[in-house]
Protein backbone atom coordinates (compact mmCIF):
# COMPACT_ATOMS: atom_id res chain seq x y z
CA UNK A 1 88.00 141.68 70.66
CA UNK A 2 90.76 143.73 73.18
CA UNK A 3 90.70 142.32 76.34
CA UNK A 4 88.67 144.39 79.38
CA UNK A 5 91.66 146.18 81.74
CA UNK A 6 90.69 145.71 85.91
CA UNK A 7 91.99 145.89 88.93
CA UNK A 8 92.08 143.61 91.11
CA UNK A 9 93.11 143.78 94.98
CA UNK A 10 94.18 141.48 96.94
CA UNK A 11 95.17 141.12 100.40
CA UNK A 12 97.82 138.34 101.79
CA UNK A 13 99.49 138.38 105.30
CA UNK A 14 102.33 139.38 104.69
CA UNK A 15 105.84 140.23 102.71
CA UNK A 16 107.00 136.73 101.98
CA UNK A 17 103.93 135.80 100.96
CA UNK A 18 102.47 138.96 98.92
CA UNK A 19 105.79 138.23 96.96
CA UNK A 20 105.27 134.71 95.91
CA UNK A 21 101.64 135.30 95.17
CA UNK A 22 102.85 138.16 93.08
CA UNK A 23 105.66 136.73 91.64
CA UNK A 24 103.47 133.29 89.96
CA UNK A 25 101.04 135.46 89.05
CA UNK A 26 102.74 137.64 86.63
CA UNK A 27 105.58 134.46 85.51
CA UNK A 28 102.05 133.06 84.46
CA UNK A 29 101.08 136.31 82.77
CA UNK A 30 97.68 136.37 84.69
CA UNK A 31 99.29 139.95 85.74
CA UNK A 32 100.83 142.71 84.27
CA UNK A 33 102.17 144.24 87.12
CA UNK A 34 101.65 143.43 90.94
CA UNK A 35 102.80 146.43 93.40
CA UNK A 36 102.61 145.69 97.04
CA UNK A 37 102.07 147.40 99.73
CA UNK A 38 101.67 147.81 103.77
CA UNK A 39 98.29 147.63 105.36
CA UNK A 40 96.50 147.95 109.11
CA UNK A 41 92.87 146.66 108.28
CA UNK A 42 89.60 146.10 110.58
CA UNK A 43 87.30 143.68 109.60
CA UNK A 44 85.04 141.31 111.30
CA UNK A 45 85.50 137.26 111.04
CA UNK A 46 84.61 135.11 113.50
CA UNK A 47 81.30 137.10 115.19
CA UNK A 48 84.68 139.44 116.04
CA UNK A 49 86.47 142.26 115.11
CA UNK A 50 90.29 141.70 114.27
CA UNK A 51 92.58 143.90 113.21
CA UNK A 52 95.40 142.83 112.13
CA UNK A 53 99.23 144.14 109.85
CA UNK A 54 98.18 142.46 105.95
CA UNK A 55 100.01 143.47 102.97
CA UNK A 56 97.57 144.86 100.30
CA UNK A 57 98.24 143.90 96.07
CA UNK A 58 97.13 145.64 93.60
CA UNK A 59 97.29 143.59 90.78
CA UNK A 60 96.77 144.96 87.02
CA UNK A 61 95.66 142.37 84.65
CA UNK A 62 92.34 141.69 82.15
CA UNK A 63 89.61 140.84 82.49
CA UNK A 64 89.34 137.43 80.82
CA UNK A 65 91.67 136.26 83.02
CA UNK A 66 89.89 137.15 86.46
CA UNK A 67 89.18 133.14 86.48
CA UNK A 68 92.50 131.68 86.02
CA UNK A 69 94.12 134.80 88.38
CA UNK A 70 91.69 134.11 91.14
CA UNK A 71 92.31 130.09 91.29
CA UNK A 72 96.07 130.88 91.98
CA UNK A 73 96.24 133.33 94.16
CA UNK A 74 93.61 131.14 95.94
CA UNK A 75 96.31 127.81 95.99
CA UNK A 76 98.42 129.62 97.30
CA UNK A 77 97.07 131.92 99.14
CA UNK A 78 97.39 131.30 103.42
CA UNK A 79 93.85 133.26 104.37
CA UNK A 80 90.18 130.75 104.49
CA UNK A 81 88.88 133.75 102.41
CA UNK A 82 91.35 135.50 101.01
CA UNK A 83 90.03 138.94 99.35
CA UNK A 84 90.26 139.33 95.60
CA UNK A 85 87.62 141.75 93.79
CA UNK A 86 87.80 143.38 91.02
CA UNK A 87 87.82 146.93 90.18
CA UNK A 88 86.76 147.83 86.49
CA UNK A 89 88.80 150.48 84.75
CA UNK A 90 86.98 153.55 83.12
CA UNK A 91 90.68 155.28 81.89
CA UNK A 92 93.94 154.13 81.30
CA UNK A 93 96.54 156.09 78.55
CA UNK A 94 96.72 153.73 75.59
CA UNK A 95 99.96 153.07 75.85
CA UNK A 96 100.11 151.46 79.28
CA UNK A 97 96.91 149.16 78.16
CA UNK A 98 98.88 148.21 75.00
CA UNK A 99 101.79 146.68 77.38
CA UNK A 100 99.08 145.64 79.69
CA UNK A 101 97.53 143.52 77.07
CA UNK A 102 101.05 142.07 75.49
CA UNK A 103 101.91 141.92 79.50
CA UNK A 104 99.58 139.45 80.22
CA UNK A 105 98.17 137.99 76.53
């Protein structure tokens, strides 16, 4: 069976944390690729609306790695409740999919 590709979104508090999590995920073959982008977020926490600069990680992986990926992120993450959202991939080029599966295999 071919592993199903997913993209996982995860926000972190800064570049150093993003780099540590990204490197760990790729080194441990939990992700084929991680991209980090600066963003600004508004959210409700402790009963109040908050606003912070964050770094968004886009993590390319396969669904069978999601549970282990969540556990690994939570071990390094500085937030009490890290955002870890998996999105299905509906279409992908065959060559990229082959590379991604090989990278996490």
